[in-house]
Amino acid sequence: MKNGFLKNFYQHNGKVMGTALLVIISFWIGVLIILPQLSMLDYSLREYLPSGEVGNYTLKNYRHLIYGAEGASDPYNYVDLKVFMRTIIAAICVTIFNLILCYPIAFFLGQVAKGMKLRVFALLLIIPYWINEILRAFALKIIFGATGMINAVLIGMGILDEPFDFIRADIALYAGLGYAYILLMVFPMYNVIESLDGNQIEAARDLGAPWWRIHARIVIPYAKPGISSGATMVFMLSAGALAAPQILGGPSSLWFTQIIYQWFNDGGNWSQGAAYAIVLLTSCIIIVLAFMKLFKVNMGDIGK
């Protein structure tokens, strides 16, 4: 099967281009993905030595996440574990929020908008992302600020008597994370929904099916590959976000990636930071695989 795949691959791309593509893909996967993760794993299993020397293998760095530093008064590391759980739950909430928000947009682009209208709406989605993510986060911080546009409108309409602290309530953070990854949810769903035969929807309407049944029985099952792909990317990126929590997070909204950043940069303890990073990566992969099994999605669906 492997030889057949390579034969078809070379026949389709040619020997020169096929070999170049294989080298580039192998370099991308091996050097830029696998080797850094293996190096991170090795760091996480090493004892931290302030002198910069390589320590012996140990599980101390992983135990620190659960039990905290040696001699600590608390039996468990409640602070870091709480931040870890809050990060995972928040990433799941952001993914669900994006799915609810982006599904109507993807359906509109895939089945309703045609011609110039489709191109205009797609362009309106893309243009804001020409701006750097950090600049967009600062813009959202201004909009959600005490003197920002949202508070000004709400006070002007008489809904609020005084400015509401959207930053401290983490509303700005969740809105920023959701906004940051909209395209990663919209376009995978759009690519699938656009290929759905509109006659199936028309036939269901002619048979008297309500709109919610059409989506539940026809569109959503057909769009499952796009939904799986978009949800996976949004969840992984939300759980691993750093810029948005740093800029939009309130005083009590510490993100797990911020703790990792502190271990690497402020504390200089790469071994402990690597252990935390491996735990986050492994947990996210396990959660994604669990949801795939729950909703009967396979890797082929995500790769479509």
Protein backbone atom coordinates (compact mmCIF):
# COMPACT_ATOMS: atom_id res chain seq x y z
CA MET A 1 0.00 0.00 0.00
CA LYS A 2 2.89 2.31 0.83
CA ASN A 3 4.60 1.59 -2.51
CA GLY A 4 1.30 2.17 -4.29
CA PHE A 5 0.87 5.51 -2.55
CA LEU A 6 4.39 6.63 -3.47
CA LYS A 7 3.90 5.45 -7.06
CA ASN A 8 0.68 7.43 -7.43
CA PHE A 9 2.26 10.40 -5.66
CA TYR A 10 5.22 10.49 -8.10
CA GLN A 11 2.96 9.94 -11.10
CA HIS A 12 0.82 12.88 -10.07
CA ASN A 13 3.66 15.28 -9.15
CA GLY A 14 6.63 14.03 -11.15
CA LYS A 15 9.94 12.79 -9.76
CA VAL A 16 11.55 16.19 -9.18
CA MET A 17 8.52 17.93 -7.66
CA GLY A 18 7.48 14.79 -5.77
CA THR A 19 10.91 14.40 -4.19
CA ALA A 20 11.02 18.11 -3.31
CA LEU A 21 7.60 17.89 -1.66
CA LEU A 22 8.59 14.81 0.34
CA VAL A 23 11.79 16.51 1.54
CA ILE A 24 9.92 19.68 2.55
CA ILE A 25 7.16 17.74 4.33
CA SER A 26 9.69 15.49 6.10
CA PHE A 27 11.68 18.54 7.20
CA TRP A 28 8.52 20.29 8.41
CA ILE A 29 7.27 17.31 10.41
CA GLY A 30 10.61 16.03 11.66
CA VAL A 31 12.64 19.17 12.35
CA LEU A 32 9.93 21.72 13.15
CA ILE A 33 7.43 19.52 15.00
CA ILE A 34 8.76 16.18 16.26
CA LEU A 35 12.30 17.17 17.30
CA PRO A 36 11.25 20.25 19.33
CA GLN A 37 8.61 18.20 21.15
CA LEU A 38 11.12 15.44 21.90
CA SER A 39 13.56 18.05 23.17
CA MET A 40 10.82 19.53 25.33
CA LEU A 41 9.99 16.08 26.69
CA ASP A 42 13.66 15.48 27.51
CA TYR A 43 13.86 18.82 29.34
CA SER A 44 10.73 17.98 31.32
CA LEU A 45 12.30 14.77 32.63
CA ARG A 46 15.55 16.45 33.71
CA GLU A 47 16.30 17.73 37.17
CA TYR A 48 16.66 21.50 37.24
CA LEU A 49 20.19 22.70 37.88
CA PRO A 50 20.62 26.49 38.26
CA SER A 51 24.12 26.25 36.80
CA GLY A 52 22.67 25.30 33.41
CA GLU A 53 24.05 21.77 33.48
CA VAL A 54 21.95 18.80 32.39
CA GLY A 55 20.50 17.01 35.41
CA ASN A 56 19.49 13.39 35.87
CA TYR A 57 16.14 12.02 34.78
CA THR A 58 13.35 12.55 37.30
CA LEU A 59 9.57 12.95 37.59
CA LYS A 60 9.97 15.78 40.09
CA ASN A 61 8.83 18.40 37.59
CA TYR A 62 5.54 16.60 36.96
CA ARG A 63 4.96 15.96 40.66
CA HIS A 64 5.36 19.70 41.25
CA LEU A 65 2.21 20.41 39.22
CA ILE A 66 0.17 18.08 41.42
CA TYR A 67 1.75 18.39 44.85
CA GLY A 68 3.61 21.69 44.63
CA ALA A 69 7.08 22.44 45.97
CA GLU A 70 8.64 20.19 48.56
CA GLY A 71 7.76 21.24 52.07
CA ALA A 72 4.65 23.18 50.99
CA SER A 73 1.89 23.47 53.58
CA ASP A 74 -0.90 22.42 51.16
CA PRO A 75 -1.13 18.75 50.17
CA TYR A 76 -1.78 19.69 46.53
CA ASN A 77 -0.74 22.49 44.22
CA TYR A 78 -4.21 24.04 44.21
CA VAL A 79 -3.18 27.26 42.46
CA ASP A 80 -1.62 25.72 39.36
CA LEU A 81 -4.20 22.91 39.13
CA LYS A 82 -7.03 25.45 39.33
CA VAL A 83 -5.45 27.56 36.59
CA PHE A 84 -4.96 24.45 34.45
CA MET A 85 -8.61 23.37 34.80
CA ARG A 86 -9.87 26.90 34.19
CA THR A 87 -7.78 27.13 31.02
CA ILE A 88 -9.13 23.84 29.64
CA ILE A 89 -12.75 24.69 30.49
CA ALA A 90 -12.40 28.20 29.04
CA ALA A 91 -10.90 26.78 25.82
CA ILE A 92 -13.88 24.41 25.50
CA CYS A 93 -16.29 27.31 26.08
CA VAL A 94 -14.51 29.44 23.47
CA THR A 95 -14.73 26.55 20.99
CA ILE A 96 -18.48 26.12 21.61
CA PHE A 97 -19.02 29.89 21.34
CA ASN A 98 -17.13 30.02 18.04
CA LEU A 99 -19.06 27.04 16.69
CA ILE A 100 -22.42 28.65 17.50
CA LEU A 101 -21.27 31.98 16.06
CA CYS A 102 -19.56 30.68 12.93
CA TYR A 103 -21.97 27.98 11.78
CA PRO A 104 -24.61 30.48 10.49
CA ILE A 105 -21.85 32.47 8.79
CA ALA A 106 -20.44 29.35 7.11
CA PHE A 107 -23.92 28.25 6.00
CA PHE A 108 -24.65 31.70 4.60
CA LEU A 109 -21.40 31.75 2.65
CA GLY A 110 -21.75 28.17 1.47
CA GLN A 111 -25.41 28.00 0.49
CA VAL A 112 -26.94 31.49 0.39
CA ALA A 113 -24.36 34.03 -0.80
CA LYS A 114 -23.42 33.79 -4.46
CA GLY A 115 -21.19 35.69 -6.86
CA MET A 116 -20.18 39.19 -5.80
CA LYS A 117 -22.03 38.95 -2.48
CA LEU A 118 -19.96 35.89 -1.53
CA ARG A 119 -16.67 37.59 -2.42
CA VAL A 120 -17.59 40.77 -0.52
CA PHE A 121 -18.57 38.91 2.65
CA ALA A 122 -15.46 36.71 2.48
CA LEU A 123 -13.30 39.81 2.05
CA LEU A 124 -14.99 41.49 5.04
CA LEU A 125 -14.09 38.46 7.14
CA ILE A 126 -10.46 38.41 6.02
CA ILE A 127 -9.56 42.12 6.09
CA PRO A 128 -9.50 42.50 9.93
CA TYR A 129 -6.93 39.72 10.11
CA TRP A 130 -4.47 41.74 8.07
CA ILE A 131 -3.76 43.46 11.40
CA ASN A 132 -1.40 41.80 13.86
CA GLU A 133 -3.04 39.72 16.60
CA ILE A 134 -1.45 41.79 19.36
CA LEU A 135 -2.75 45.03 17.87
CA ARG A 136 -6.23 43.51 17.60
CA ALA A 137 -6.04 42.50 21.26
CA PHE A 138 -5.10 46.02 22.32
CA ALA A 139 -7.94 47.39 20.19
CA LEU A 140 -10.39 45.09 21.98
CA LYS A 141 -8.97 46.21 25.32
CA ILE A 142 -9.76 49.80 24.37
CA ILE A 143 -13.26 48.88 23.16
CA PHE A 144 -14.07 46.93 26.34
CA GLY A 145 -12.37 49.46 28.64
CA ALA A 146 -14.11 51.63 31.21
CA THR A 147 -14.14 54.55 28.77
CA GLY A 148 -14.49 52.34 25.70
CA MET A 149 -17.19 52.27 23.06
CA ILE A 150 -19.27 49.47 24.62
CA ASN A 151 -19.54 51.16 28.02
CA ALA A 152 -20.24 54.50 26.34
CA VAL A 153 -23.12 53.02 24.32
CA LEU A 154 -24.60 51.14 27.29
CA ILE A 155 -24.43 54.23 29.53
CA GLY A 156 -25.81 56.42 26.74
CA MET A 157 -28.79 54.07 26.30
CA GLY A 158 -29.43 54.12 30.03
CA ILE A 159 -28.73 50.40 30.49
CA LEU A 160 -25.81 51.09 32.84
CA ASP A 161 -25.38 53.88 35.37
CA GLU A 162 -21.62 53.43 35.58
CA PRO A 163 -18.96 51.64 33.48
CA PHE A 164 -18.86 47.87 33.76
CA ASP A 165 -15.44 46.25 34.17
CA PHE A 166 -15.41 43.84 31.21
CA ILE A 167 -11.70 43.19 31.75
CA ARG A 168 -12.04 41.97 35.34
CA ALA A 169 -15.09 39.88 34.40
CA ASP A 170 -13.02 38.15 31.68
CA ILE A 171 -15.62 39.03 29.05
CA ALA A 172 -12.99 40.88 27.03
CA LEU A 173 -10.65 37.87 27.22
CA TYR A 174 -13.23 35.35 25.98
CA ALA A 175 -14.40 37.74 23.28
CA GLY A 176 -10.82 38.28 22.19
CA LEU A 177 -10.06 34.57 22.03
CA GLY A 178 -13.26 33.88 20.12
CA TYR A 179 -12.58 36.71 17.68
CA ALA A 180 -8.96 35.65 17.15
CA TYR A 181 -9.88 32.24 15.71
CA ILE A 182 -13.11 32.93 13.82
CA LEU A 183 -11.57 32.24 10.42
CA LEU A 184 -10.21 28.90 11.60
CA MET A 185 -13.79 27.86 12.39
CA VAL A 186 -15.61 29.49 9.48
CA PHE A 187 -13.61 28.35 6.48
CA PRO A 188 -13.31 24.62 7.28
CA MET A 189 -17.11 24.51 7.69
CA TYR A 190 -17.63 26.67 4.60
CA ASN A 191 -15.46 24.40 2.45
CA VAL A 192 -17.68 21.42 3.34
CA ILE A 193 -21.08 23.15 3.33
CA GLU A 194 -20.34 24.77 -0.04
CA SER A 195 -20.11 21.30 -1.62
CA LEU A 196 -23.51 20.22 -0.24
CA ASP A 197 -26.09 19.78 -3.02
CA GLY A 198 -28.69 22.48 -2.47
CA ASN A 199 -31.33 20.21 -3.94
CA GLN A 200 -31.26 18.16 -0.73
CA ILE A 201 -32.21 21.24 1.28
CA GLU A 202 -34.93 22.20 -1.22
CA ALA A 203 -36.33 18.68 -1.17
CA ALA A 204 -36.51 18.74 2.62
CA ARG A 205 -38.32 22.08 2.51
CA ASP A 206 -40.79 20.79 -0.08
CA LEU A 207 -41.54 17.85 2.23
CA GLY A 208 -42.39 20.28 5.02
CA ALA A 209 -39.28 19.91 7.20
CA PRO A 210 -38.73 22.89 9.54
CA TRP A 211 -35.46 24.77 9.30
CA TRP A 212 -34.02 23.24 12.49
CA ARG A 213 -34.66 19.70 11.24
CA ILE A 214 -32.98 20.51 7.93
CA HIS A 215 -29.84 21.59 9.73
CA ALA A 216 -29.96 18.75 12.28
CA ARG A 217 -30.57 15.97 9.74
CA ILE A 218 -28.85 17.23 6.57
CA VAL A 219 -26.44 20.15 6.92
CA ILE A 220 -24.73 19.44 10.26
CA PRO A 221 -24.06 15.71 9.58
CA TYR A 222 -22.68 16.64 6.17
CA ALA A 223 -20.54 19.44 7.66
CA LYS A 224 -19.09 17.18 10.37
CA PRO A 225 -15.57 17.11 8.81
CA GLY A 226 -15.42 20.92 8.74
CA ILE A 227 -16.85 21.23 12.23
CA SER A 228 -14.31 18.70 13.56
CA SER A 229 -11.38 20.44 11.89
CA GLY A 230 -12.41 23.92 13.00
CA ALA A 231 -13.24 22.89 16.58
CA THR A 232 -9.91 21.09 16.95
CA MET A 233 -7.88 24.08 15.79
CA VAL A 234 -9.84 26.60 17.89
CA PHE A 235 -9.62 24.48 21.04
CA MET A 236 -5.89 23.77 20.72
CA LEU A 237 -5.02 27.39 19.95
CA SER A 238 -7.28 28.77 22.70
CA ALA A 239 -5.75 26.48 25.32
CA GLY A 240 -2.26 27.48 24.16
CA ALA A 241 -2.92 31.20 23.74
CA LEU A 242 -0.60 33.68 25.41
CA ALA A 243 -0.97 37.12 23.81
CA ALA A 244 -4.72 37.50 24.45
CA PRO A 245 -4.58 36.40 28.13
CA GLN A 246 -1.59 38.69 28.72
CA ILE A 247 -3.37 41.72 27.24
CA LEU A 248 -7.07 41.12 27.88
CA GLY A 249 -6.96 39.02 31.05
CA GLY A 250 -8.06 40.45 34.35
CA PRO A 251 -6.21 40.22 37.67
CA SER A 252 -7.73 36.81 38.49
CA SER A 253 -7.70 35.28 34.99
CA LEU A 254 -4.24 33.73 34.96
CA TRP A 255 -3.86 31.38 31.97
CA PHE A 256 -1.85 28.16 32.17
CA THR A 257 0.40 29.33 29.34
CA GLN A 258 1.29 32.36 31.43
CA ILE A 259 2.57 30.05 34.17
CA ILE A 260 4.62 28.19 31.55
CA TYR A 261 5.98 31.50 30.29
CA GLN A 262 6.94 32.48 33.85
CA TRP A 263 8.83 29.22 34.41
CA PHE A 264 10.78 29.65 31.18
CA ASN A 265 11.51 33.36 31.27
CA ASP A 266 11.08 34.75 34.77
CA GLY A 267 12.15 31.71 36.76
CA GLY A 268 14.65 30.38 34.22
CA ASN A 269 13.55 26.85 35.09
CA TRP A 270 13.21 25.28 31.64
CA SER A 271 12.71 21.80 33.06
CA GLN A 272 9.64 22.82 35.05
CA GLY A 273 8.26 24.91 32.20
CA ALA A 274 8.75 22.02 29.77
CA ALA A 275 6.89 19.66 32.11
CA TYR A 276 3.95 22.06 32.31
CA ALA A 277 3.99 22.47 28.52
CA ILE A 278 3.99 18.69 27.97
CA VAL A 279 1.08 18.28 30.40
CA LEU A 280 -0.93 20.93 28.54
CA LEU A 281 -0.16 19.44 25.13
CA THR A 282 -0.93 15.88 26.22
CA SER A 283 -4.15 16.89 27.97
CA CYS A 284 -5.38 18.80 24.91
CA ILE A 285 -4.67 15.82 22.64
CA ILE A 286 -6.49 13.45 25.01
CA ILE A 287 -9.50 15.78 25.20
CA VAL A 288 -9.65 16.11 21.41
CA LEU A 289 -9.46 12.32 20.97
CA ALA A 290 -12.15 11.84 23.64
CA PHE A 291 -14.53 14.24 21.90
CA MET A 292 -13.79 12.61 18.56
CA LYS A 293 -14.80 9.26 20.01
CA LEU A 294 -17.87 10.77 21.68
CA PHE A 295 -19.13 12.34 18.45
CA LYS A 296 -17.90 9.45 16.27
CA VAL A 297 -15.35 11.48 14.32
CA ASN A 298 -12.17 9.94 12.90
CA MET A 299 -8.88 11.44 11.79
CA GLY A 300 -9.97 11.26 8.17
CA ASP A 301 -12.81 13.65 8.90
CA ILE A 302 -10.45 16.23 10.43
CA GLY A 303 -8.03 15.88 7.53
CA LYS A 304 -10.65 16.53 4.86
